[in-house]
Amino acid sequence: MKYSDTYSPPAPVANVKLRNPETLESITNVPMLLDTGSDITLLPKSFCKEIGVEISETEFLELEGFNQGRSIAFYVRLEFIFLNKMFRGNFLVYEQDEGIVGRDILNEFSILFNGKNLEWNVQK
């Protein structure tokens, strides 16, 4: 798998699939940053809207970044497919073009990050 040079320094990225569990409508190639520093996975709101999942107006989590900036992320219920493994449940959405795969998902895999060669691989 690859790193993206849109970040400085380059960072590991992946494309995931999102699926609406009620309609089975799905979208592939959702761009995600693999972020071992993030506790949680955050999904781009625009992709969730595209498959018609309902975004909660009352259930949310307040997020704080490293720069102490605060924002609100609302919950959605969907199926998240990453490395051929499905995760069902509640996920958070935010207003970005690219999502973040956090440790809540990454900890299910053994991944070797090879920054020197700008690639990452799943270990068996």
Protein backbone atom coordinates (compact mmCIF):
# COMPACT_ATOMS: atom_id res chain seq x y z
CA MET A 1 0.00 0.00 0.00
CA LYS A 2 1.16 3.54 -0.45
CA TYR A 3 1.96 6.80 1.24
CA SER A 4 0.62 10.11 -0.04
CA ASP A 5 2.94 13.01 -0.75
CA THR A 6 0.10 15.49 -0.26
CA TYR A 7 1.29 15.48 3.34
CA SER A 8 4.64 16.81 4.46
CA PRO A 9 6.22 14.48 5.38
CA PRO A 10 4.39 11.81 3.32
CA ALA A 11 1.80 9.78 5.26
CA PRO A 12 0.17 6.34 4.91
CA VAL A 13 -3.25 6.39 3.22
CA ALA A 14 -5.86 3.85 2.16
CA ASN A 15 -9.15 3.73 0.33
CA VAL A 16 -12.06 2.15 2.20
CA LYS A 17 -15.63 1.19 1.42
CA LEU A 18 -18.66 2.55 3.28
CA ARG A 19 -22.07 0.89 3.12
CA ASN A 20 -25.49 1.92 4.31
CA PRO A 21 -26.77 -1.13 6.27
CA GLU A 22 -30.41 -0.29 5.55
CA THR A 23 -30.28 0.25 1.79
CA LEU A 24 -26.98 -1.56 1.04
CA GLU A 25 -25.94 1.44 -1.04
CA SER A 26 -22.18 1.73 -0.91
CA ILE A 27 -19.29 3.88 -1.96
CA THR A 28 -15.72 2.73 -2.59
CA ASN A 29 -12.42 4.55 -2.73
CA VAL A 30 -13.13 6.75 0.27
CA PRO A 31 -9.72 8.32 1.01
CA MET A 32 -8.47 7.80 4.56
CA LEU A 33 -5.30 8.73 6.42
CA LEU A 34 -3.94 5.92 8.63
CA ASP A 35 -3.29 7.77 11.89
CA THR A 36 -1.86 5.81 14.81
CA GLY A 37 -2.05 9.00 16.87
CA SER A 38 -5.84 9.18 16.59
CA ASP A 39 -7.97 7.35 19.15
CA ILE A 40 -10.96 7.16 16.81
CA THR A 41 -11.92 6.81 13.18
CA LEU A 42 -13.48 9.88 11.52
CA LEU A 43 -15.36 9.66 8.23
CA PRO A 44 -15.80 12.41 5.64
CA LYS A 45 -19.38 13.67 5.92
CA SER A 46 -19.82 14.10 2.15
CA PHE A 47 -19.26 10.37 1.45
CA CYS A 48 -21.73 9.39 4.18
CA LYS A 49 -24.36 11.69 2.71
CA GLU A 50 -23.74 10.20 -0.73
CA ILE A 51 -24.89 6.75 0.45
CA GLY A 52 -27.82 8.19 2.37
CA VAL A 53 -26.92 7.25 5.94
CA GLU A 54 -28.69 9.29 8.58
CA ILE A 55 -26.39 11.64 10.47
CA SER A 56 -27.49 12.13 14.04
CA GLU A 57 -28.43 15.65 15.04
CA THR A 58 -28.27 14.90 18.77
CA GLU A 59 -25.50 12.33 19.29
CA PHE A 60 -22.04 13.83 18.93
CA LEU A 61 -18.57 13.98 20.37
CA GLU A 62 -16.53 17.11 20.95
CA LEU A 63 -13.07 16.71 19.44
CA GLU A 64 -9.90 18.51 20.39
CA GLY A 65 -6.86 18.56 18.12
CA PHE A 66 -3.21 18.93 18.97
CA ASN A 67 -3.52 22.67 18.39
CA GLN A 68 -6.29 22.80 21.05
CA GLY A 69 -8.84 23.57 18.33
CA ARG A 70 -12.28 22.12 19.09
CA SER A 71 -14.94 20.79 16.77
CA ILE A 72 -18.06 18.64 16.89
CA ALA A 73 -18.39 15.27 15.13
CA PHE A 74 -21.80 13.62 14.79
CA TYR A 75 -22.54 9.89 14.75
CA VAL A 76 -23.69 7.74 11.85
CA ARG A 77 -24.50 4.04 11.78
CA LEU A 78 -22.92 2.21 8.86
CA GLU A 79 -20.63 -0.55 7.68
CA PHE A 80 -16.96 0.32 7.27
CA ILE A 81 -14.87 -2.07 5.15
CA PHE A 82 -11.10 -1.85 5.47
CA LEU A 83 -8.62 -4.51 4.30
CA ASN A 84 -11.53 -6.89 3.53
CA LYS A 85 -12.77 -6.76 7.13
CA MET A 86 -16.17 -5.27 7.96
CA PHE A 87 -16.81 -3.10 11.00
CA ARG A 88 -20.46 -2.38 11.83
CA GLY A 89 -21.65 0.27 14.21
CA ASN A 90 -21.53 3.93 15.05
CA PHE A 91 -18.84 6.10 13.54
CA LEU A 92 -18.14 9.81 13.70
CA VAL A 93 -18.33 12.13 10.69
CA TYR A 94 -16.66 15.48 10.18
CA GLU A 95 -16.31 18.15 7.51
CA GLN A 96 -13.15 17.02 5.69
CA ASP A 97 -12.46 15.58 2.24
CA GLU A 98 -10.37 12.76 3.68
CA GLY A 99 -11.14 10.58 6.69
CA ILE A 100 -8.93 9.20 9.42
CA VAL A 101 -8.55 5.55 10.33
CA GLY A 102 -7.74 5.63 14.03
CA ARG A 103 -6.52 3.05 16.51
CA ASP A 104 -10.06 1.80 17.14
CA ILE A 105 -9.73 0.11 13.71
CA LEU A 106 -5.95 -0.06 13.21
CA ASN A 107 -5.49 -2.12 16.40
CA GLU A 108 -7.34 -4.98 14.68
CA PHE A 109 -4.42 -5.43 12.27
CA SER A 110 -0.68 -5.91 12.31
CA ILE A 111 0.63 -3.26 9.92
CA LEU A 112 4.22 -2.50 9.03
CA PHE A 113 4.77 1.18 8.19
CA ASN A 114 7.82 1.48 5.96
CA GLY A 115 8.27 5.23 5.74
CA LYS A 116 11.68 4.96 4.13
CA ASN A 117 10.11 3.29 1.08
CA LEU A 118 6.81 5.21 1.39
CA GLU A 119 4.71 2.06 1.67
CA TRP A 120 2.80 0.07 4.27
CA ASN A 121 1.80 -3.58 4.38
CA VAL A 122 -0.45 -5.83 6.43
CA GLN A 123 1.49 -8.52 8.26
CA LYS A 124 0.04 -12.03 8.39
